[in-house]
Amino acid sequence: MSSSLPREIHLLLDSAGALIVFQEKGAAWAGVLAFSNEDKAREFCRVSNLDAAEVAAISTADPDAVATLIASIKRRAIRNLLLDLDYKTGACTQIDFDRDSFGPAVPRQFTPPAHR
């Protein structure tokens, strides 16, 4: 597991309990939206007008919980975790999956959405 991960990550869930992901236009893969604290998760929802039903936390120090999370999302076209995605700037930290744990964390920059 990467040492730059927070103790907990906070994941956004829709009204059906599914994880909310981000897929860059034209990309084949998506990333799970995750935040280092609940306030950042709620701020992302507010700024992006995302209607997330709830925020769920998972301990990054719990290898079984991490392995279960990764196994459940790797079945879909999800290949990484996008930590603290800033809706306005597009900056975040991308954390790829390394088998059943978190791999290296690297800075990532998406093109921010066009503001109207």
N, C-alpha and C. Protein backbone atom coordinates (compact mmCIF):
# COMPACT_ATOMS: atom_id res chain seq x y z
N MET A 1 0.84 -1.18 0.00
CA MET A 1 0.00 0.00 0.00
C MET A 1 0.88 1.24 0.00
N SER A 2 0.45 2.25 -0.68
CA SER A 2 1.20 3.51 -0.76
C SER A 2 1.18 4.23 0.57
N SER A 3 2.31 4.80 0.95
CA SER A 3 2.38 5.52 2.23
C SER A 3 1.73 6.89 2.15
N SER A 4 1.40 7.37 0.96
CA SER A 4 0.79 8.69 0.83
C SER A 4 -0.74 8.66 0.95
N LEU A 5 -1.29 7.50 1.20
CA LEU A 5 -2.74 7.39 1.37
C LEU A 5 -3.15 7.87 2.76
N PRO A 6 -4.31 8.50 2.85
CA PRO A 6 -4.83 8.86 4.17
C PRO A 6 -5.25 7.58 4.92
N ARG A 7 -5.49 7.69 6.21
CA ARG A 7 -5.92 6.53 7.02
C ARG A 7 -7.24 5.97 6.55
N GLU A 8 -8.11 6.86 6.10
CA GLU A 8 -9.41 6.46 5.57
C GLU A 8 -9.61 7.14 4.23
N ILE A 9 -10.35 6.46 3.38
CA ILE A 9 -10.82 7.11 2.15
C ILE A 9 -12.34 7.13 2.21
N HIS A 10 -12.91 8.18 1.67
CA HIS A 10 -14.35 8.39 1.70
C HIS A 10 -14.86 8.29 0.27
N LEU A 11 -15.78 7.36 0.07
CA LEU A 11 -16.30 7.04 -1.25
C LEU A 11 -17.72 7.56 -1.39
N LEU A 12 -18.05 8.05 -2.57
CA LEU A 12 -19.40 8.55 -2.85
C LEU A 12 -20.26 7.41 -3.38
N LEU A 13 -21.47 7.32 -2.87
CA LEU A 13 -22.42 6.29 -3.29
C LEU A 13 -23.67 6.95 -3.85
N ASP A 14 -24.23 6.33 -4.89
CA ASP A 14 -25.48 6.85 -5.44
C ASP A 14 -26.65 6.30 -4.62
N SER A 15 -27.87 6.62 -5.02
CA SER A 15 -29.05 6.22 -4.24
C SER A 15 -29.26 4.71 -4.21
N ALA A 16 -28.65 3.98 -5.14
CA ALA A 16 -28.75 2.52 -5.15
C ALA A 16 -27.60 1.86 -4.39
N GLY A 17 -26.69 2.67 -3.85
CA GLY A 17 -25.57 2.14 -3.09
C GLY A 17 -24.35 1.82 -3.94
N ALA A 18 -24.37 2.19 -5.22
CA ALA A 18 -23.23 1.93 -6.11
C ALA A 18 -22.20 3.05 -5.98
N LEU A 19 -20.94 2.68 -6.13
CA LEU A 19 -19.86 3.67 -6.10
C LEU A 19 -19.98 4.62 -7.28
N ILE A 20 -19.68 5.87 -7.05
CA ILE A 20 -19.68 6.86 -8.12
C ILE A 20 -18.27 6.95 -8.68
N VAL A 21 -18.18 6.86 -10.01
CA VAL A 21 -16.89 6.87 -10.68
C VAL A 21 -16.79 8.06 -11.63
N PHE A 22 -15.57 8.32 -12.07
CA PHE A 22 -15.30 9.40 -13.02
C PHE A 22 -14.64 8.78 -14.23
N GLN A 23 -15.17 9.08 -15.41
CA GLN A 23 -14.58 8.60 -16.65
C GLN A 23 -14.31 9.79 -17.54
N GLU A 24 -13.05 9.95 -17.88
CA GLU A 24 -12.65 11.04 -18.77
C GLU A 24 -13.22 10.77 -20.16
N LYS A 25 -13.65 11.82 -20.84
CA LYS A 25 -14.23 11.68 -22.16
C LYS A 25 -13.26 10.94 -23.09
N GLY A 26 -13.74 9.89 -23.73
CA GLY A 26 -12.94 9.11 -24.66
C GLY A 26 -12.10 8.03 -24.02
N ALA A 27 -12.06 7.96 -22.70
CA ALA A 27 -11.25 6.94 -22.01
C ALA A 27 -12.02 5.63 -21.90
N ALA A 28 -11.30 4.53 -21.98
CA ALA A 28 -11.92 3.21 -21.84
C ALA A 28 -12.15 2.85 -20.38
N TRP A 29 -11.39 3.44 -19.47
CA TRP A 29 -11.44 3.09 -18.06
C TRP A 29 -11.99 4.24 -17.23
N ALA A 30 -12.48 3.90 -16.07
CA ALA A 30 -12.96 4.90 -15.12
C ALA A 30 -12.17 4.77 -13.82
N GLY A 31 -12.31 5.77 -12.97
CA GLY A 31 -11.69 5.75 -11.65
C GLY A 31 -12.74 6.02 -10.59
N VAL A 32 -12.60 5.35 -9.46
CA VAL A 32 -13.51 5.57 -8.34
C VAL A 32 -13.18 6.91 -7.70
N LEU A 33 -14.18 7.72 -7.47
CA LEU A 33 -13.98 8.99 -6.76
C LEU A 33 -13.81 8.69 -5.27
N ALA A 34 -12.71 9.15 -4.71
CA ALA A 34 -12.43 8.95 -3.28
C ALA A 34 -11.84 10.24 -2.72
N PHE A 35 -12.06 10.44 -1.44
CA PHE A 35 -11.61 11.68 -0.81
C PHE A 35 -10.95 11.37 0.52
N SER A 36 -10.02 12.23 0.91
CA SER A 36 -9.26 12.00 2.13
C SER A 36 -10.06 12.34 3.39
N ASN A 37 -11.17 13.02 3.23
CA ASN A 37 -12.07 13.26 4.36
C ASN A 37 -13.48 13.54 3.84
N GLU A 38 -14.43 13.44 4.73
CA GLU A 38 -15.83 13.60 4.34
C GLU A 38 -16.14 15.01 3.86
N ASP A 39 -15.49 16.01 4.45
CA ASP A 39 -15.73 17.39 4.02
C ASP A 39 -15.35 17.59 2.56
N LYS A 40 -14.24 17.01 2.13
CA LYS A 40 -13.84 17.13 0.72
C LYS A 40 -14.82 16.41 -0.20
N ALA A 41 -15.34 15.28 0.24
CA ALA A 41 -16.33 14.55 -0.55
C ALA A 41 -17.60 15.38 -0.72
N ARG A 42 -18.06 15.96 0.36
CA ARG A 42 -19.28 16.77 0.29
C ARG A 42 -19.07 18.06 -0.52
N GLU A 43 -17.87 18.63 -0.42
CA GLU A 43 -17.56 19.84 -1.20
C GLU A 43 -17.55 19.51 -2.70
N PHE A 44 -17.00 18.35 -3.07
CA PHE A 44 -17.02 17.93 -4.47
C PHE A 44 -18.47 17.83 -4.96
N CYS A 45 -19.32 17.23 -4.16
CA CYS A 45 -20.74 17.10 -4.54
C CYS A 45 -21.38 18.47 -4.71
N ARG A 46 -21.08 19.38 -3.80
CA ARG A 46 -21.68 20.72 -3.86
C ARG A 46 -21.22 21.46 -5.12
N VAL A 47 -19.92 21.48 -5.38
CA VAL A 47 -19.37 22.24 -6.50
C VAL A 47 -19.76 21.63 -7.85
N SER A 48 -19.82 20.30 -7.91
CA SER A 48 -20.12 19.63 -9.18
C SER A 48 -21.61 19.40 -9.40
N ASN A 49 -22.41 19.73 -8.41
CA ASN A 49 -23.86 19.46 -8.46
C ASN A 49 -24.17 17.96 -8.56
N LEU A 50 -23.27 17.14 -8.03
CA LEU A 50 -23.46 15.70 -8.02
C LEU A 50 -24.43 15.35 -6.89
N ASP A 51 -25.38 14.52 -7.20
CA ASP A 51 -26.38 14.12 -6.22
C ASP A 51 -25.99 12.76 -5.64
N ALA A 52 -24.99 12.75 -4.77
CA ALA A 52 -24.58 11.51 -4.10
C ALA A 52 -25.49 11.28 -2.91
N ALA A 53 -25.90 10.05 -2.71
CA ALA A 53 -26.81 9.74 -1.62
C ALA A 53 -26.10 9.66 -0.28
N GLU A 54 -24.86 9.14 -0.29
CA GLU A 54 -24.12 9.06 0.96
C GLU A 54 -22.63 8.94 0.72
N VAL A 55 -21.90 9.09 1.81
CA VAL A 55 -20.45 8.96 1.79
C VAL A 55 -20.10 7.80 2.70
N ALA A 56 -19.34 6.83 2.19
CA ALA A 56 -18.92 5.68 2.98
C ALA A 56 -17.42 5.71 3.14
N ALA A 57 -16.95 5.36 4.32
CA ALA A 57 -15.51 5.38 4.59
C ALA A 57 -14.97 3.96 4.68
N ILE A 58 -13.71 3.82 4.27
CA ILE A 58 -13.01 2.55 4.38
C ILE A 58 -11.60 2.84 4.89
N SER A 59 -11.13 2.01 5.79
CA SER A 59 -9.79 2.17 6.34
C SER A 59 -8.77 1.64 5.34
N THR A 60 -7.79 2.45 5.02
CA THR A 60 -6.74 2.01 4.09
C THR A 60 -5.76 1.06 4.78
N ALA A 61 -5.84 0.96 6.10
CA ALA A 61 -4.96 0.06 6.86
C ALA A 61 -5.56 -1.34 7.02
N ASP A 62 -6.78 -1.54 6.52
CA ASP A 62 -7.45 -2.83 6.62
C ASP A 62 -7.30 -3.58 5.30
N PRO A 63 -6.31 -4.48 5.20
CA PRO A 63 -6.04 -5.13 3.92
C PRO A 63 -7.22 -5.96 3.40
N ASP A 64 -8.00 -6.55 4.29
CA ASP A 64 -9.16 -7.32 3.83
C ASP A 64 -10.23 -6.43 3.22
N ALA A 65 -10.50 -5.29 3.85
CA ALA A 65 -11.49 -4.36 3.32
C ALA A 65 -11.04 -3.78 1.98
N VAL A 66 -9.76 -3.44 1.89
CA VAL A 66 -9.21 -2.91 0.63
C VAL A 66 -9.30 -3.97 -0.47
N ALA A 67 -8.91 -5.20 -0.16
CA ALA A 67 -8.96 -6.29 -1.14
C ALA A 67 -10.38 -6.54 -1.62
N THR A 68 -11.34 -6.50 -0.69
CA THR A 68 -12.74 -6.71 -1.05
C THR A 68 -13.23 -5.58 -1.96
N LEU A 69 -12.89 -4.34 -1.61
CA LEU A 69 -13.28 -3.20 -2.45
C LEU A 69 -12.71 -3.34 -3.85
N ILE A 70 -11.43 -3.60 -3.95
CA ILE A 70 -10.78 -3.69 -5.27
C ILE A 70 -11.35 -4.85 -6.08
N ALA A 71 -11.55 -5.99 -5.45
CA ALA A 71 -12.13 -7.14 -6.16
C ALA A 71 -13.51 -6.83 -6.71
N SER A 72 -14.30 -6.08 -5.94
CA SER A 72 -15.67 -5.77 -6.38
C SER A 72 -15.70 -4.79 -7.54
N ILE A 73 -14.72 -3.89 -7.62
CA ILE A 73 -14.76 -2.90 -8.70
C ILE A 73 -13.92 -3.26 -9.91
N LYS A 74 -12.98 -4.18 -9.77
CA LYS A 74 -12.16 -4.58 -10.91
C LYS A 74 -12.96 -5.36 -11.95
N ARG A 75 -14.10 -5.90 -11.55
CA ARG A 75 -14.95 -6.63 -12.49
C ARG A 75 -15.56 -5.69 -13.52
N ARG A 76 -15.59 -4.41 -13.19
CA ARG A 76 -16.10 -3.40 -14.12
C ARG A 76 -14.90 -2.71 -14.76
N ALA A 77 -15.13 -1.75 -15.59
CA ALA A 77 -14.04 -1.05 -16.29
C ALA A 77 -13.46 0.06 -15.41
N ILE A 78 -13.11 -0.31 -14.18
CA ILE A 78 -12.54 0.64 -13.22
C ILE A 78 -11.13 0.17 -12.88
N ARG A 79 -10.16 1.06 -13.08
CA ARG A 79 -8.78 0.63 -12.92
C ARG A 79 -7.98 1.41 -11.89
N ASN A 80 -8.61 2.41 -11.26
CA ASN A 80 -7.86 3.18 -10.28
C ASN A 80 -8.80 3.95 -9.36
N LEU A 81 -8.18 4.62 -8.44
CA LEU A 81 -8.90 5.46 -7.49
C LEU A 81 -8.42 6.89 -7.72
N LEU A 82 -9.33 7.82 -7.78
CA LEU A 82 -8.99 9.23 -7.98
C LEU A 82 -9.22 9.95 -6.66
N LEU A 83 -8.12 10.23 -5.98
CA LEU A 83 -8.19 10.80 -4.64
C LEU A 83 -8.25 12.32 -4.69
N ASP A 84 -9.25 12.87 -4.01
CA ASP A 84 -9.41 14.33 -3.85
C ASP A 84 -9.46 15.08 -5.18
N LEU A 85 -10.26 14.56 -6.11
CA LEU A 85 -10.44 15.24 -7.39
C LEU A 85 -11.06 16.61 -7.14
N ASP A 86 -10.37 17.64 -7.61
CA ASP A 86 -10.86 19.02 -7.50
C ASP A 86 -11.67 19.32 -8.76
N TYR A 87 -12.96 19.48 -8.60
CA TYR A 87 -13.84 19.67 -9.75
C TYR A 87 -13.48 20.91 -10.56
N LYS A 88 -13.05 21.95 -9.88
CA LYS A 88 -12.74 23.21 -10.57
C LYS A 88 -11.45 23.15 -11.37
N THR A 89 -10.42 22.51 -10.83
CA THR A 89 -9.11 22.51 -11.49
C THR A 89 -8.79 21.22 -12.23
N GLY A 90 -9.42 20.12 -11.85
CA GLY A 90 -9.13 18.82 -12.45
C GLY A 90 -7.94 18.11 -11.82
N ALA A 91 -7.37 18.67 -10.77
CA ALA A 91 -6.21 18.06 -10.11
C ALA A 91 -6.65 16.98 -9.13
N CYS A 92 -5.89 15.90 -9.07
CA CYS A 92 -6.16 14.83 -8.11
C CYS A 92 -4.91 13.97 -7.98
N THR A 93 -5.01 12.93 -7.19
CA THR A 93 -3.97 11.93 -7.08
C THR A 93 -4.56 10.62 -7.59
N GLN A 94 -3.90 10.02 -8.57
CA GLN A 94 -4.36 8.74 -9.11
C GLN A 94 -3.63 7.62 -8.40
N ILE A 95 -4.40 6.66 -7.89
CA ILE A 95 -3.84 5.52 -7.20
C ILE A 95 -4.29 4.27 -7.95
N ASP A 96 -3.35 3.65 -8.63
CA ASP A 96 -3.67 2.43 -9.38
C ASP A 96 -3.79 1.26 -8.42
N PHE A 97 -4.40 0.20 -8.90
CA PHE A 97 -4.54 -1.01 -8.10
C PHE A 97 -3.36 -1.93 -8.40
N ASP A 98 -2.80 -2.51 -7.36
CA ASP A 98 -1.71 -3.47 -7.48
C ASP A 98 -2.23 -4.78 -6.92
N ARG A 99 -2.75 -5.61 -7.80
CA ARG A 99 -3.46 -6.84 -7.44
C ARG A 99 -4.64 -6.52 -6.52
N ASP A 100 -4.51 -6.85 -5.23
CA ASP A 100 -5.64 -6.61 -4.32
C ASP A 100 -5.32 -5.53 -3.29
N SER A 101 -4.41 -4.63 -3.64
CA SER A 101 -4.09 -3.52 -2.74
C SER A 101 -3.87 -2.26 -3.57
N PHE A 102 -3.63 -1.15 -2.88
CA PHE A 102 -3.38 0.10 -3.56
C PHE A 102 -1.92 0.17 -3.96
N GLY A 103 -1.67 0.64 -5.16
CA GLY A 103 -0.32 0.79 -5.67
C GLY A 103 0.16 2.22 -5.50
N PRO A 104 1.09 2.63 -6.37
CA PRO A 104 1.67 3.97 -6.28
C PRO A 104 0.63 5.08 -6.48
N ALA A 105 0.87 6.18 -5.79
CA ALA A 105 0.03 7.37 -5.93
C ALA A 105 0.81 8.39 -6.74
N VAL A 106 0.18 8.88 -7.82
CA VAL A 106 0.85 9.87 -8.68
C VAL A 106 -0.10 11.03 -8.96
N PRO A 107 0.43 12.25 -9.06
CA PRO A 107 -0.42 13.39 -9.39
C PRO A 107 -1.06 13.19 -10.77
N ARG A 108 -2.29 13.65 -10.91
CA ARG A 108 -3.01 13.54 -12.18
C ARG A 108 -3.72 14.86 -12.43
N GLN A 109 -3.78 15.27 -13.68
CA GLN A 109 -4.46 16.50 -14.05
C GLN A 109 -5.44 16.23 -15.17
N PHE A 110 -6.70 16.39 -14.89
CA PHE A 110 -7.74 16.29 -15.91
C PHE A 110 -8.04 17.69 -16.42
N THR A 111 -8.61 17.77 -17.60
CA THR A 111 -9.06 19.05 -18.12
C THR A 111 -10.31 19.44 -17.34
N PRO A 112 -10.30 20.59 -16.68
CA PRO A 112 -11.48 20.97 -15.90
C PRO A 112 -12.69 21.18 -16.82
N PRO A 113 -13.88 20.99 -16.27
CA PRO A 113 -15.09 21.17 -17.08
C PRO A 113 -15.22 22.64 -17.51
N ALA A 114 -15.86 22.84 -18.64
CA ALA A 114 -16.10 24.21 -19.11
C ALA A 114 -17.12 24.86 -18.18
N HIS A 115 -16.80 26.05 -17.73
CA HIS A 115 -17.72 26.77 -16.85
C HIS A 115 -18.66 27.62 -17.68
N ARG A 116 -19.91 27.58 -17.32
CA ARG A 116 -20.92 28.32 -18.07
C ARG A 116 -21.14 29.65 -17.44
